[in-house]
Amino acid sequence: MGFDSLWLPDHLVPPFNPSGPLFEAWTALAGLATVTSRVRLGVLVSSNTFRHPALLAKQAITVDHLSGGRLELGLGAGWFAPEHQMFGIPFPEPPVLVSQFREAVEMIDQFLRQDQTTYKGTHYQLDDAPRRPAALQQPRPPLVLGANGKRMLEIVAAHADVWNSIGTPTEIRERNQYLDEACFKAGRDPAAIRRSLLYVPALLADEHPWESENLFRDFVTRFAAVGITEFIFQPPATGREGVARIAAEVIPGLRAGALH
């Protein structure tokens, strides 16, 4: 249909249907890498609570090779507590989640950029850990960081190539402005970070972009006005024909307006 990227969710059960089926994201992503040739690929976003960041970095390098250098490396702090309880995975309080996320991002950023890495954090450590082989994309695959709160946005400002969020236009505008401020404080050009929105019907119940071409165009236009330049849409459960029509008749015009 011409979409630019494909993304998988990183959950052990579907958050809005915990009894439903769901494959493990990174294994499935490796499979997608071998049966696609053009689209960018990613997990939106990998839960930092599920894997040691060094393991995630090695997975990322592997999928970057399998895809011919098409990986977008997504990472978030983790948020769905029930699945952690079901599977016996610790789920700390928010301050610890953010602290772990900060260290994970720092470690992954360093590990993917250099041949050997030592990292001494409170939560994670590396001792002359070799990266070999390097990822195909240099200096590393793009880091796509999911974040909403101010402390998380400060981590985005320091390390991300892409910021991903979900919320109303008002919420996105406020976060976007804070991210710009955090970039200036971190000594980065805010324009260096692409701004990406995830649409999930269960989290944006008042929005219905798939119902018509006009609603889709209106959705993208309103969020573009508050700084979003890339859109990631959970597809509808039914109505493949409508998605194909929007992909053919609406998205090209939006893309021509510097949106993806």
Protein backbone atom coordinates (compact mmCIF):
# COMPACT_ATOMS: atom_id res chain seq x y z
CA MET A 1 0.00 0.00 0.00
CA GLY A 2 3.02 2.30 0.14
CA PHE A 3 3.38 2.92 3.88
CA ASP A 4 6.86 4.00 4.96
CA SER A 5 7.29 1.79 8.02
CA LEU A 6 5.90 -1.22 9.88
CA TRP A 7 5.84 -1.52 13.68
CA LEU A 8 5.07 -4.18 16.26
CA PRO A 9 3.98 -3.71 19.90
CA ASP A 10 6.20 -5.08 22.67
CA HIS A 11 3.81 -6.85 25.02
CA LEU A 12 3.42 -10.35 26.44
CA VAL A 13 -0.38 -10.06 26.24
CA PRO A 14 -2.49 -7.51 24.33
CA PRO A 15 -3.07 -4.68 26.86
CA PHE A 16 -6.67 -4.10 25.82
CA ASN A 17 -7.49 -7.81 25.44
CA PRO A 18 -5.24 -9.72 27.87
CA SER A 19 -6.70 -13.12 26.93
CA GLY A 20 -5.91 -12.61 23.24
CA PRO A 21 -2.97 -14.03 21.25
CA LEU A 22 0.27 -12.13 20.66
CA PHE A 23 3.66 -13.11 19.27
CA GLU A 24 6.93 -11.89 20.81
CA ALA A 25 7.88 -8.67 19.06
CA TRP A 26 11.59 -8.96 18.27
CA THR A 27 11.32 -12.53 16.97
CA ALA A 28 8.45 -11.46 14.72
CA LEU A 29 10.39 -8.36 13.61
CA ALA A 30 13.29 -10.56 12.49
CA GLY A 31 10.81 -12.52 10.39
CA LEU A 32 9.39 -9.33 8.86
CA ALA A 33 12.92 -8.22 8.01
CA THR A 34 13.36 -11.24 5.74
CA VAL A 35 10.09 -10.82 3.79
CA THR A 36 10.24 -7.05 3.19
CA SER A 37 12.72 -4.96 1.23
CA ARG A 38 11.72 -1.27 1.38
CA VAL A 39 9.89 -0.32 4.59
CA ARG A 40 11.59 0.75 7.79
CA LEU A 41 10.95 -1.68 10.65
CA GLY A 42 10.67 -1.29 14.41
CA VAL A 43 9.15 -2.23 17.75
CA LEU A 44 7.09 0.63 19.16
CA VAL A 45 8.42 0.61 21.73
CA SER A 46 10.55 -2.09 23.37
CA SER A 47 9.78 -2.31 27.08
CA ASN A 48 12.97 -1.72 29.02
CA THR A 49 11.68 -3.97 31.79
CA PHE A 50 11.73 -7.05 29.53
CA ARG A 51 15.39 -7.20 28.50
CA HIS A 52 18.82 -6.12 29.65
CA PRO A 53 19.76 -3.16 27.40
CA ALA A 54 22.88 -4.93 26.14
CA LEU A 55 20.73 -7.83 24.93
CA LEU A 56 18.39 -5.38 23.21
CA ALA A 57 21.37 -3.75 21.51
CA LYS A 58 22.55 -7.12 20.19
CA GLN A 59 19.03 -7.90 18.96
CA ALA A 60 18.96 -4.53 17.22
CA ILE A 61 22.27 -5.18 15.46
CA THR A 62 21.02 -8.58 14.31
CA VAL A 63 17.76 -7.23 12.88
CA ASP A 64 19.59 -4.31 11.28
CA HIS A 65 21.66 -6.86 9.35
CA LEU A 66 18.68 -9.07 8.50
CA SER A 67 16.81 -6.04 7.14
CA GLY A 68 19.70 -4.58 5.19
CA GLY A 69 19.90 -1.53 7.46
CA ARG A 70 16.20 -0.69 7.85
CA LEU A 71 15.82 -0.89 11.64
CA GLU A 72 14.38 1.87 13.81
CA LEU A 73 15.33 1.05 17.43
CA GLY A 74 12.36 1.86 19.67
CA LEU A 75 12.65 1.92 23.46
CA GLY A 76 10.35 2.91 26.31
CA ALA A 77 10.37 2.60 30.09
CA GLY A 78 7.53 0.03 30.26
CA TRP A 79 4.00 0.75 31.43
CA PHE A 80 1.55 -2.20 31.48
CA ALA A 81 1.80 -3.48 35.05
CA PRO A 82 -0.64 -6.45 34.72
CA GLU A 83 1.55 -8.34 32.25
CA HIS A 84 4.53 -7.96 34.57
CA GLN A 85 2.52 -9.48 37.39
CA MET A 86 1.28 -12.33 35.16
CA PHE A 87 4.81 -13.27 34.08
CA GLY A 88 6.67 -12.55 37.32
CA ILE A 89 8.64 -9.60 35.95
CA PRO A 90 9.47 -6.84 38.45
CA PHE A 91 7.66 -3.57 37.80
CA PRO A 92 9.18 -0.79 39.92
CA GLU A 93 7.69 2.55 40.85
CA PRO A 94 7.81 5.33 38.21
CA PRO A 95 10.99 7.06 39.53
CA VAL A 96 12.91 3.78 39.25
CA LEU A 97 11.42 3.03 35.83
CA VAL A 98 12.68 6.39 34.59
CA SER A 99 16.10 5.91 36.19
CA GLN A 100 16.44 2.49 34.58
CA PHE A 101 15.34 3.92 31.24
CA ARG A 102 17.91 6.71 31.41
CA GLU A 103 20.73 4.24 32.01
CA ALA A 104 19.45 1.86 29.34
CA VAL A 105 19.38 4.61 26.72
CA GLU A 106 22.85 5.83 27.70
CA MET A 107 24.26 2.28 27.57
CA ILE A 108 22.66 1.40 24.23
CA ASP A 109 23.73 4.70 22.67
CA GLN A 110 27.33 4.08 23.72
CA PHE A 111 27.38 0.36 22.92
CA LEU A 112 26.11 0.82 19.36
CA ARG A 113 28.62 3.58 18.59
CA GLN A 114 31.86 1.95 19.74
CA ASP A 115 33.68 -1.36 19.42
CA GLN A 116 33.98 -1.99 23.16
CA THR A 117 32.01 -0.51 26.04
CA THR A 118 32.36 -0.21 29.79
CA TYR A 119 29.37 1.24 31.62
CA LYS A 120 28.97 1.60 35.37
CA GLY A 121 25.42 2.45 36.33
CA THR A 122 23.21 1.85 39.33
CA HIS A 123 21.01 -0.59 37.42
CA TYR A 124 23.19 -1.81 34.54
CA GLN A 125 26.89 -2.49 34.04
CA LEU A 126 29.14 -3.48 31.15
CA ASP A 127 32.80 -4.47 31.48
CA ASP A 128 34.70 -4.09 28.20
CA ALA A 129 31.75 -5.63 26.36
CA PRO A 130 32.47 -6.08 22.61
CA ARG A 131 29.86 -4.89 20.11
CA ARG A 132 31.03 -7.00 17.16
CA PRO A 133 29.63 -6.97 14.58
CA ALA A 134 28.62 -3.35 14.24
CA ALA A 135 25.19 -2.46 12.90
CA LEU A 136 24.94 -1.71 9.20
CA GLN A 137 23.59 1.77 9.93
CA GLN A 138 26.28 4.09 11.22
CA PRO A 139 26.97 5.57 13.66
CA ARG A 140 24.01 3.45 14.87
CA PRO A 141 20.38 2.72 13.99
CA PRO A 142 18.04 5.62 14.83
CA LEU A 143 16.84 5.68 18.45
CA VAL A 144 13.05 6.07 18.69
CA LEU A 145 12.21 6.90 22.30
CA GLY A 146 8.66 6.81 23.63
CA ALA A 147 8.04 9.47 26.28
CA ASN A 148 5.34 11.67 27.77
CA GLY A 149 6.53 13.08 31.11
CA LYS A 150 9.12 15.81 31.59
CA ARG A 151 11.88 13.58 32.99
CA MET A 152 11.43 11.20 30.07
CA LEU A 153 11.45 14.06 27.56
CA GLU A 154 14.78 15.23 28.97
CA ILE A 155 16.22 11.80 28.12
CA VAL A 156 14.75 12.14 24.64
CA ALA A 157 16.39 15.55 24.26
CA ALA A 158 19.80 14.11 25.09
CA HIS A 159 19.77 10.95 22.98
CA ALA A 160 16.82 10.42 20.61
CA ASP A 161 16.68 10.68 16.85
CA VAL A 162 12.88 10.30 16.98
CA TRP A 163 10.43 11.12 19.77
CA ASN A 164 7.19 9.13 19.83
CA SER A 165 4.15 9.97 21.94
CA ILE A 166 0.39 9.55 22.13
CA GLY A 167 -2.12 12.12 23.31
CA THR A 168 -4.47 14.90 22.33
CA PRO A 169 -3.31 17.83 20.19
CA THR A 170 -3.15 20.00 23.32
CA GLU A 171 -1.02 17.45 25.17
CA ILE A 172 1.28 16.98 22.19
CA ARG A 173 1.73 20.74 21.79
CA GLU A 174 2.77 21.11 25.43
CA ARG A 175 5.16 18.15 25.31
CA ASN A 176 6.62 19.36 22.02
CA GLN A 177 7.35 22.78 23.51
CA TYR A 178 8.97 21.23 26.57
CA LEU A 179 11.09 18.96 24.36
CA ASP A 180 12.31 22.01 22.43
CA GLU A 181 13.34 23.65 25.71
CA ALA A 182 15.04 20.47 26.90
CA CYS A 183 16.97 20.25 23.61
CA PHE A 184 18.30 23.77 24.04
CA LYS A 185 19.43 22.92 27.59
CA ALA A 186 21.11 19.75 26.31
CA GLY A 187 22.90 21.67 23.55
CA ARG A 188 20.99 20.03 20.71
CA ASP A 189 19.09 21.53 17.83
CA PRO A 190 15.39 20.65 18.37
CA ALA A 191 15.12 20.08 14.62
CA ALA A 192 17.48 17.11 15.00
CA ILE A 193 14.67 15.09 16.63
CA ARG A 194 11.80 13.93 14.46
CA ARG A 195 8.36 14.07 16.12
CA SER A 196 6.17 10.97 15.81
CA LEU A 197 2.62 10.18 16.95
CA LEU A 198 1.13 6.74 17.64
CA TYR A 199 -2.59 6.34 17.03
CA VAL A 200 -4.23 3.59 19.10
CA PRO A 201 -8.05 3.68 19.07
CA ALA A 202 -8.34 2.54 22.69
CA LEU A 203 -6.18 5.45 23.86
CA LEU A 204 -7.65 8.12 21.58
CA ALA A 205 -11.31 7.15 21.76
CA ASP A 206 -12.55 10.49 20.41
CA GLU A 207 -10.52 10.18 17.22
CA HIS A 208 -11.71 8.11 14.24
CA PRO A 209 -9.28 8.71 11.37
CA TRP A 210 -10.00 5.44 9.57
CA GLU A 211 -13.73 6.14 9.18
CA SER A 212 -13.31 8.38 6.13
CA GLU A 213 -10.79 10.15 3.97
CA ASN A 214 -11.83 13.51 5.42
CA LEU A 215 -11.45 12.35 9.03
CA PHE A 216 -8.01 10.90 8.26
CA ARG A 217 -6.90 14.12 6.59
CA ASP A 218 -8.31 16.19 9.46
CA PHE A 219 -6.54 14.04 12.07
CA VAL A 220 -3.16 14.39 10.39
CA THR A 221 -3.62 18.11 9.77
CA ARG A 222 -4.50 18.89 13.39
CA PHE A 223 -1.55 16.98 14.81
CA ALA A 224 0.82 18.37 12.19
CA ALA A 225 -0.18 21.84 13.39
CA VAL A 226 1.25 21.03 16.85
CA GLY A 227 4.55 19.70 15.52
CA ILE A 228 4.04 16.05 14.50
CA THR A 229 5.75 15.05 11.25
CA GLU A 230 5.44 11.24 11.34
CA PHE A 231 2.31 9.20 12.02
CA ILE A 232 2.05 5.57 13.07
CA PHE A 233 -1.48 4.16 12.87
CA GLN A 234 -2.83 1.01 14.45
CA PRO A 235 -4.95 -0.39 11.61
CA PRO A 236 -8.66 -1.00 12.12
CA ALA A 237 -9.79 -4.51 12.99
CA THR A 238 -11.91 -4.52 9.84
CA GLY A 239 -12.07 -2.43 6.70
CA ARG A 240 -8.91 -3.23 4.72
CA GLU A 241 -10.53 -1.60 1.69
CA GLY A 242 -10.84 1.70 3.53
CA VAL A 243 -7.16 1.59 4.54
CA ALA A 244 -6.16 0.88 0.95
CA ARG A 245 -8.29 3.78 -0.31
CA ILE A 246 -6.77 6.20 2.22
CA ALA A 247 -3.27 4.96 1.36
CA ALA A 248 -3.90 5.54 -2.33
CA GLU A 249 -5.94 8.75 -2.29
CA VAL A 250 -5.05 10.68 0.88
CA ILE A 251 -1.57 9.83 2.11
CA PRO A 252 0.30 10.87 -1.08
CA GLY A 253 -1.09 14.38 -0.74
CA LEU A 254 -0.18 14.55 2.94
CA ARG A 255 3.30 13.25 2.19
CA ALA A 256 3.72 15.94 -0.45
CA GLY A 257 3.07 18.43 2.33
CA ALA A 258 6.22 17.20 4.14
CA LEU A 259 4.36 14.65 6.28
CA HIS A 260 5.16 10.91 6.41
